[in-house]
Amino acid sequence: MTDERTPEQSDSAAASARSVGEPATSGTAAAAVQPRLGVAGLDRRTIALVASIAVVAWLVLVFGRAIAQSNQVGVEAAALRAQDATLAQQVVQQQAELAVIQSPAFLSLEARAYGYGKPHEQVFALQPGAPPPPAITPLGADPSAAPPPTPLQAWMELLLGH
């Protein structure tokens, strides 16, 4: 019996009949056994692995940045809450001060400071150029201690040595 196959059919039949360990004898069979090369001489698995690693690294960076921004916003929110609490406390203090300033007792005291008073009230004030009142001894201090010298006495002591 004669073989009536074309040379291409005989090469493919020989390649399929060959075992895996045998070397290829023709050029077309050798091309079928070699793995397909992709970009830059790398096979498809390597390219897919590199692309997967790049995508995972990009996702880690994106989520990491989002977490860092979230943390920063939380810190800023805590600072604003503390500032808000401080301002609220100041508002309460200023409202209390306003209530005191607007009270009749405070207005009467301030009016007396300007010389206004109630009818038949005797005004008391120091005359201009009057000497200062004597120093008050604080509670718990030695009452026999000499009061501090006046500025004139200090100059006289410095100049005359007395």
Protein backbone atom coordinates (compact mmCIF):
# COMPACT_ATOMS: atom_id res chain seq x y z
CA MET A 1 0.00 0.00 0.00
CA THR A 2 1.23 3.41 -0.84
CA ASP A 3 0.77 6.47 1.25
CA GLU A 4 -1.42 8.97 -0.61
CA ARG A 5 -1.16 11.85 1.90
CA THR A 6 0.16 15.29 1.17
CA PRO A 7 3.39 16.32 2.86
CA GLU A 8 1.52 18.61 5.31
CA GLN A 9 -0.81 15.80 6.35
CA SER A 10 2.07 13.41 6.82
CA ASP A 11 3.92 15.96 9.02
CA SER A 12 0.87 16.46 11.26
CA ALA A 13 0.26 12.72 11.47
CA ALA A 14 3.88 12.14 12.40
CA ALA A 15 3.75 14.85 15.04
CA SER A 16 0.62 13.39 16.60
CA ALA A 17 2.06 9.87 16.55
CA ARG A 18 5.25 11.01 18.26
CA SER A 19 5.43 10.84 22.03
CA VAL A 20 5.97 13.93 24.11
CA GLY A 21 9.60 13.23 24.92
CA GLU A 22 10.82 12.82 21.33
CA PRO A 23 12.45 15.75 19.59
CA ALA A 24 10.71 17.30 16.62
CA THR A 25 12.13 16.51 13.22
CA SER A 26 10.39 18.97 10.96
CA GLY A 27 10.00 22.77 11.21
CA THR A 28 6.20 22.89 11.34
CA ALA A 29 5.97 20.33 14.14
CA ALA A 30 8.54 22.22 16.20
CA ALA A 31 6.50 25.41 15.92
CA ALA A 32 3.39 23.62 17.23
CA VAL A 33 5.20 22.29 20.33
CA GLN A 34 6.80 25.61 21.40
CA PRO A 35 4.69 27.84 23.70
CA ARG A 36 3.27 30.97 22.16
CA LEU A 37 5.23 34.05 23.06
CA GLY A 38 3.43 37.32 23.86
CA VAL A 39 4.88 40.78 24.31
CA ALA A 40 8.64 41.17 24.92
CA GLY A 41 9.27 37.45 24.75
CA LEU A 42 6.99 36.57 27.70
CA ASP A 43 4.29 33.93 27.65
CA ARG A 44 0.63 34.71 28.40
CA ARG A 45 0.72 33.45 32.00
CA THR A 46 3.60 35.75 32.92
CA ILE A 47 1.87 38.73 31.32
CA ALA A 48 -1.38 37.90 33.16
CA LEU A 49 0.52 37.54 36.46
CA VAL A 50 2.28 40.90 36.02
CA ALA A 51 -1.02 42.57 35.08
CA SER A 52 -2.74 41.03 38.10
CA ILE A 53 0.03 42.22 40.43
CA ALA A 54 -0.21 45.71 38.94
CA VAL A 55 -4.00 45.80 39.44
CA VAL A 56 -3.70 44.56 43.04
CA ALA A 57 -0.98 47.14 43.80
CA TRP A 58 -3.14 49.89 42.30
CA LEU A 59 -6.15 48.78 44.41
CA VAL A 60 -4.01 48.71 47.57
CA LEU A 61 -2.79 52.24 46.85
CA VAL A 62 -6.29 53.55 46.12
CA PHE A 63 -7.81 52.02 49.26
CA GLY A 64 -4.79 53.05 51.33
CA ARG A 65 -5.19 56.65 50.21
CA ALA A 66 -8.92 56.53 50.99
CA ILE A 67 -8.22 55.19 54.48
CA ALA A 68 -5.56 57.87 55.08
CA GLN A 69 -7.95 60.61 53.95
CA SER A 70 -10.69 59.18 56.15
CA ASN A 71 -8.33 59.19 59.13
CA GLN A 72 -7.31 62.81 58.42
CA VAL A 73 -10.96 63.88 58.18
CA GLY A 74 -11.63 62.16 61.51
CA VAL A 75 -8.77 64.07 63.15
CA GLU A 76 -10.02 67.36 61.71
CA ALA A 77 -13.56 66.59 62.89
CA ALA A 78 -12.30 65.92 66.43
CA ALA A 79 -10.41 69.23 66.41
CA LEU A 80 -13.52 71.07 65.20
CA ARG A 81 -15.62 69.39 67.90
CA ALA A 82 -13.14 70.54 70.56
CA GLN A 83 -13.13 74.06 69.13
CA ASP A 84 -16.94 74.03 69.04
CA ALA A 85 -17.09 72.99 72.72
CA THR A 86 -14.66 75.79 73.65
CA LEU A 87 -16.70 78.36 71.73
CA ALA A 88 -19.94 77.12 73.31
CA GLN A 89 -18.37 77.51 76.76
CA GLN A 90 -17.26 81.05 75.89
CA VAL A 91 -20.80 81.89 74.72
CA VAL A 92 -22.22 80.66 78.03
CA GLN A 93 -19.67 82.74 79.98
CA GLN A 94 -20.37 85.86 77.92
CA GLN A 95 -24.13 85.42 78.33
CA ALA A 96 -23.63 85.19 82.11
CA GLU A 97 -21.46 88.33 82.03
CA LEU A 98 -24.11 90.14 79.98
CA ALA A 99 -26.76 89.17 82.52
CA VAL A 100 -24.60 90.60 85.33
CA ILE A 101 -23.88 93.82 83.42
CA GLN A 102 -27.57 94.34 82.70
CA SER A 103 -28.64 93.71 86.31
CA PRO A 104 -30.00 96.67 88.31
CA ALA A 105 -27.41 96.17 91.07
CA PHE A 106 -24.49 96.49 88.65
CA LEU A 107 -26.03 99.51 86.92
CA SER A 108 -26.53 101.20 90.30
CA LEU A 109 -22.91 100.50 91.28
CA GLU A 110 -21.60 101.91 88.00
CA ALA A 111 -23.84 104.97 88.36
CA ARG A 112 -22.35 105.64 91.78
CA ALA A 113 -18.87 105.38 90.32
CA TYR A 114 -19.79 108.29 88.01
CA GLY A 115 -21.24 110.33 90.88
CA TYR A 116 -24.89 109.46 90.34
CA GLY A 117 -26.75 108.06 93.28
CA LYS A 118 -30.06 107.88 95.05
CA PRO A 119 -31.75 111.00 96.44
CA HIS A 120 -30.39 112.22 99.80
CA GLU A 121 -27.23 110.13 99.40
CA GLN A 122 -23.94 111.74 100.42
CA VAL A 123 -21.24 111.44 97.78
CA PHE A 124 -17.85 110.33 99.03
CA ALA A 125 -14.68 110.71 96.99
CA LEU A 126 -11.02 111.48 97.59
CA GLN A 127 -9.91 114.99 96.78
CA PRO A 128 -7.53 115.35 93.85
CA GLY A 129 -3.92 115.18 95.07
CA ALA A 130 -4.89 113.47 98.34
CA PRO A 131 -2.36 110.99 99.77
CA PRO A 132 -3.03 107.34 99.09
CA PRO A 133 -4.80 105.39 101.81
CA PRO A 134 -2.60 103.32 104.12
CA ALA A 135 -1.64 99.84 102.93
CA ILE A 136 -3.91 97.06 104.10
CA THR A 137 -2.17 94.21 105.89
CA PRO A 138 -3.15 90.92 104.25
CA LEU A 139 -4.73 88.26 106.43
CA GLY A 140 -2.10 86.03 108.04
CA ALA A 141 0.73 88.55 107.61
CA ASP A 142 2.71 90.04 110.53
CA PRO A 143 0.95 93.33 111.42
CA SER A 144 4.09 94.74 113.08
CA ALA A 145 6.08 94.58 109.84
CA ALA A 146 6.98 97.98 108.47
CA PRO A 147 5.11 99.03 105.34
CA PRO A 148 7.20 99.31 102.18
CA PRO A 149 8.86 102.70 101.75
CA THR A 150 7.27 105.28 99.51
CA PRO A 151 9.12 106.25 96.34
CA LEU A 152 10.25 109.51 97.97
CA GLN A 153 11.61 107.65 100.99
CA ALA A 154 13.42 105.20 98.68
CA TRP A 155 15.08 108.10 96.80
CA MET A 156 16.05 109.85 100.05
CA GLU A 157 17.57 106.66 101.39
CA LEU A 158 19.45 106.14 98.13
CA LEU A 159 20.77 109.72 98.01
CA LEU A 160 21.43 110.35 101.69
CA GLY A 161 22.03 106.81 102.91
CA HIS A 162 19.55 107.04 105.82
